[in-house]
Amino acid sequence: MSMTEVQSLERRLHSRHRARTTVYIVVAGGCRRLCRAMNLSATGVFVETSNLGLRKGQRVELAFAINLGAITKLHRRRAIVAHVSRGGTGLMMDASSGR
């Protein structure tokens, strides 16, 4: 399979980037968990998780910092669990939830 064919299979609208940031996940009831982001895009994040009990479709809140050189920006977003695997959890962020 050529690289063009592989790229045409990709459904993402935004490129993923390796992430070196910590993500706080807040689930219903106020339970907070600290996780490490593996990759990040404009609309989603994949975090390493272990047995958080998250399920596909569940709503969570995220808080994470992005270092932009001299400036660090704190982001808070609502997200939906897109998938859970052995390696972690894919979260789709709600674009309208930026604060």
C-alpha atoms as a PDB file:
ATOM      1  CA  MET A   1       0.000   0.000   0.000  1.00  0.00           C
ATOM      2  CA  SER A   2       1.455   3.393  -0.961  1.00  0.00           C
ATOM      3  CA  MET A   3       1.668   6.379   1.399  1.00  0.00           C
ATOM      4  CA  THR A   4      -1.062   8.125  -0.622  1.00  0.00           C
ATOM      5  CA  GLU A   5      -3.401   5.171  -0.099  1.00  0.00           C
ATOM      6  CA  VAL A   6      -2.629   5.112   3.640  1.00  0.00           C
ATOM      7  CA  GLN A   7      -3.272   8.853   3.931  1.00  0.00           C
ATOM      8  CA  SER A   8      -6.576   8.520   2.086  1.00  0.00           C
ATOM      9  CA  LEU A   9      -7.721   6.051   4.776  1.00  0.00           C
ATOM     10  CA  GLU A  10      -7.117   8.609   7.523  1.00  0.00           C
ATOM     11  CA  ARG A  11     -10.406  10.158   8.661  1.00  0.00           C
ATOM     12  CA  ARG A  12      -8.955  12.906  10.822  1.00  0.00           C
ATOM     13  CA  LEU A  13      -9.550  16.512   9.812  1.00  0.00           C
ATOM     14  CA  HIS A  14      -6.698  17.804  11.985  1.00  0.00           C
ATOM     15  CA  SER A  15      -3.139  16.522  12.280  1.00  0.00           C
ATOM     16  CA  ARG A  16      -2.106  14.770  15.453  1.00  0.00           C
ATOM     17  CA  HIS A  17       1.024  15.959  17.227  1.00  0.00           C
ATOM     18  CA  ARG A  18       3.096  14.225  19.865  1.00  0.00           C
ATOM     19  CA  ALA A  19       2.203  15.720  23.205  1.00  0.00           C
ATOM     20  CA  ARG A  20       4.280  16.131  26.314  1.00  0.00           C
ATOM     21  CA  THR A  21       1.665  17.392  28.675  1.00  0.00           C
ATOM     22  CA  THR A  22      -0.352  16.204  31.608  1.00  0.00           C
ATOM     23  CA  VAL A  23      -4.123  16.083  31.289  1.00  0.00           C
ATOM     24  CA  TYR A  24      -6.501  16.214  34.229  1.00  0.00           C
ATOM     25  CA  ILE A  25      -9.659  14.265  33.472  1.00  0.00           C
ATOM     26  CA  VAL A  26     -12.686  15.120  35.594  1.00  0.00           C
ATOM     27  CA  VAL A  27     -15.496  12.576  35.496  1.00  0.00           C
ATOM     28  CA  ALA A  28     -19.039  12.819  36.845  1.00  0.00           C
ATOM     29  CA  GLY A  29     -19.040  13.195  40.606  1.00  0.00           C
ATOM     30  CA  GLY A  30     -15.906  15.338  40.552  1.00  0.00           C
ATOM     31  CA  CYS A  31     -13.369  12.490  40.499  1.00  0.00           C
ATOM     32  CA  ARG A  32     -10.113  13.864  39.036  1.00  0.00           C
ATOM     33  CA  ARG A  33      -7.428  11.754  37.408  1.00  0.00           C
ATOM     34  CA  LEU A  34      -4.024  12.801  36.184  1.00  0.00           C
ATOM     35  CA  CYS A  35      -2.993  11.261  32.827  1.00  0.00           C
ATOM     36  CA  ARG A  36      -0.220  11.715  30.302  1.00  0.00           C
ATOM     37  CA  ALA A  37      -1.153  12.840  26.781  1.00  0.00           C
ATOM     38  CA  MET A  38       0.391  10.785  23.976  1.00  0.00           C
ATOM     39  CA  ASN A  39      -0.839  12.888  21.059  1.00  0.00           C
ATOM     40  CA  LEU A  40      -3.010  15.915  20.574  1.00  0.00           C
ATOM     41  CA  SER A  41      -4.913  17.554  17.728  1.00  0.00           C
ATOM     42  CA  ALA A  42      -7.249  20.541  17.478  1.00  0.00           C
ATOM     43  CA  THR A  43     -10.242  18.300  18.217  1.00  0.00           C
ATOM     44  CA  GLY A  44      -8.935  15.388  20.235  1.00  0.00           C
ATOM     45  CA  VAL A  45      -6.373  13.920  22.563  1.00  0.00           C
ATOM     46  CA  PHE A  46      -5.156  10.394  23.257  1.00  0.00           C
ATOM     47  CA  VAL A  47      -4.119   9.843  26.866  1.00  0.00           C
ATOM     48  CA  GLU A  48      -2.488   6.940  28.656  1.00  0.00           C
ATOM     49  CA  THR A  49      -5.043   5.583  31.084  1.00  0.00           C
ATOM     50  CA  SER A  50      -5.213   2.551  33.268  1.00  0.00           C
ATOM     51  CA  ASN A  51      -8.515   1.237  34.527  1.00  0.00           C
ATOM     52  CA  LEU A  52     -10.328   4.560  34.878  1.00  0.00           C
ATOM     53  CA  GLY A  53     -13.608   2.871  34.140  1.00  0.00           C
ATOM     54  CA  LEU A  54     -14.324   5.231  31.242  1.00  0.00           C
ATOM     55  CA  ARG A  55     -16.706   4.041  28.553  1.00  0.00           C
ATOM     56  CA  LYS A  56     -17.364   5.106  24.992  1.00  0.00           C
ATOM     57  CA  GLY A  57     -19.764   8.053  24.827  1.00  0.00           C
ATOM     58  CA  GLN A  58     -19.103   9.173  28.400  1.00  0.00           C
ATOM     59  CA  ARG A  59     -18.716  12.930  28.926  1.00  0.00           C
ATOM     60  CA  VAL A  60     -15.682  14.236  30.808  1.00  0.00           C
ATOM     61  CA  GLU A  61     -13.951  17.551  31.387  1.00  0.00           C
ATOM     62  CA  LEU A  62     -10.284  18.103  30.567  1.00  0.00           C
ATOM     63  CA  ALA A  63      -7.701  20.574  31.807  1.00  0.00           C
ATOM     64  CA  PHE A  64      -4.228  20.720  30.290  1.00  0.00           C
ATOM     65  CA  ALA A  65      -1.400  23.164  29.650  1.00  0.00           C
ATOM     66  CA  ILE A  66       0.293  23.771  26.305  1.00  0.00           C
ATOM     67  CA  ASN A  67       3.770  25.292  26.378  1.00  0.00           C
ATOM     68  CA  LEU A  68       4.226  27.824  23.552  1.00  0.00           C
ATOM     69  CA  GLY A  69       7.802  28.815  24.364  1.00  0.00           C
ATOM     70  CA  ALA A  70       7.699  31.871  26.602  1.00  0.00           C
ATOM     71  CA  ILE A  71       3.966  31.413  27.200  1.00  0.00           C
ATOM     72  CA  THR A  72       2.051  28.494  28.687  1.00  0.00           C
ATOM     73  CA  LYS A  73      -1.685  28.363  27.964  1.00  0.00           C
ATOM     74  CA  LEU A  74      -4.138  26.508  30.166  1.00  0.00           C
ATOM     75  CA  HIS A  75      -6.993  24.859  28.271  1.00  0.00           C
ATOM     76  CA  ARG A  76     -10.259  23.561  29.690  1.00  0.00           C
ATOM     77  CA  ARG A  77     -12.491  21.534  27.413  1.00  0.00           C
ATOM     78  CA  ARG A  78     -15.466  19.229  27.589  1.00  0.00           C
ATOM     79  CA  ALA A  79     -14.890  15.954  25.775  1.00  0.00           C
ATOM     80  CA  ILE A  80     -16.546  12.674  24.904  1.00  0.00           C
ATOM     81  CA  VAL A  81     -14.780   9.331  25.192  1.00  0.00           C
ATOM     82  CA  ALA A  82     -14.337   8.214  21.578  1.00  0.00           C
ATOM     83  CA  HIS A  83     -12.635   4.880  22.298  1.00  0.00           C
ATOM     84  CA  VAL A  84     -10.905   2.959  25.058  1.00  0.00           C
ATOM     85  CA  SER A  85      -8.065   0.541  24.363  1.00  0.00           C
ATOM     86  CA  ARG A  86      -5.351  -1.214  26.342  1.00  0.00           C
ATOM     87  CA  GLY A  87      -2.956   1.666  25.709  1.00  0.00           C
ATOM     88  CA  GLY A  88      -5.260   4.479  26.646  1.00  0.00           C
ATOM     89  CA  THR A  89      -8.316   6.526  25.873  1.00  0.00           C
ATOM     90  CA  GLY A  90      -9.177   8.671  22.855  1.00  0.00           C
ATOM     91  CA  LEU A  91     -11.140  11.786  23.733  1.00  0.00           C
ATOM     92  CA  MET A  92     -12.965  14.003  21.247  1.00  0.00           C
ATOM     93  CA  MET A  93     -13.060  17.584  22.473  1.00  0.00           C
ATOM     94  CA  ASP A  94     -16.117  19.805  22.155  1.00  0.00           C
ATOM     95  CA  ALA A  95     -14.913  22.808  20.127  1.00  0.00           C
ATOM     96  CA  SER A  96     -17.525  25.068  21.686  1.00  0.00           C
ATOM     97  CA  SER A  97     -16.307  24.352  25.224  1.00  0.00           C
ATOM     98  CA  GLY A  98     -13.140  26.485  25.111  1.00  0.00           C
ATOM     99  CA  ARG A  99     -12.869  28.829  28.067  1.00  0.00           C
END
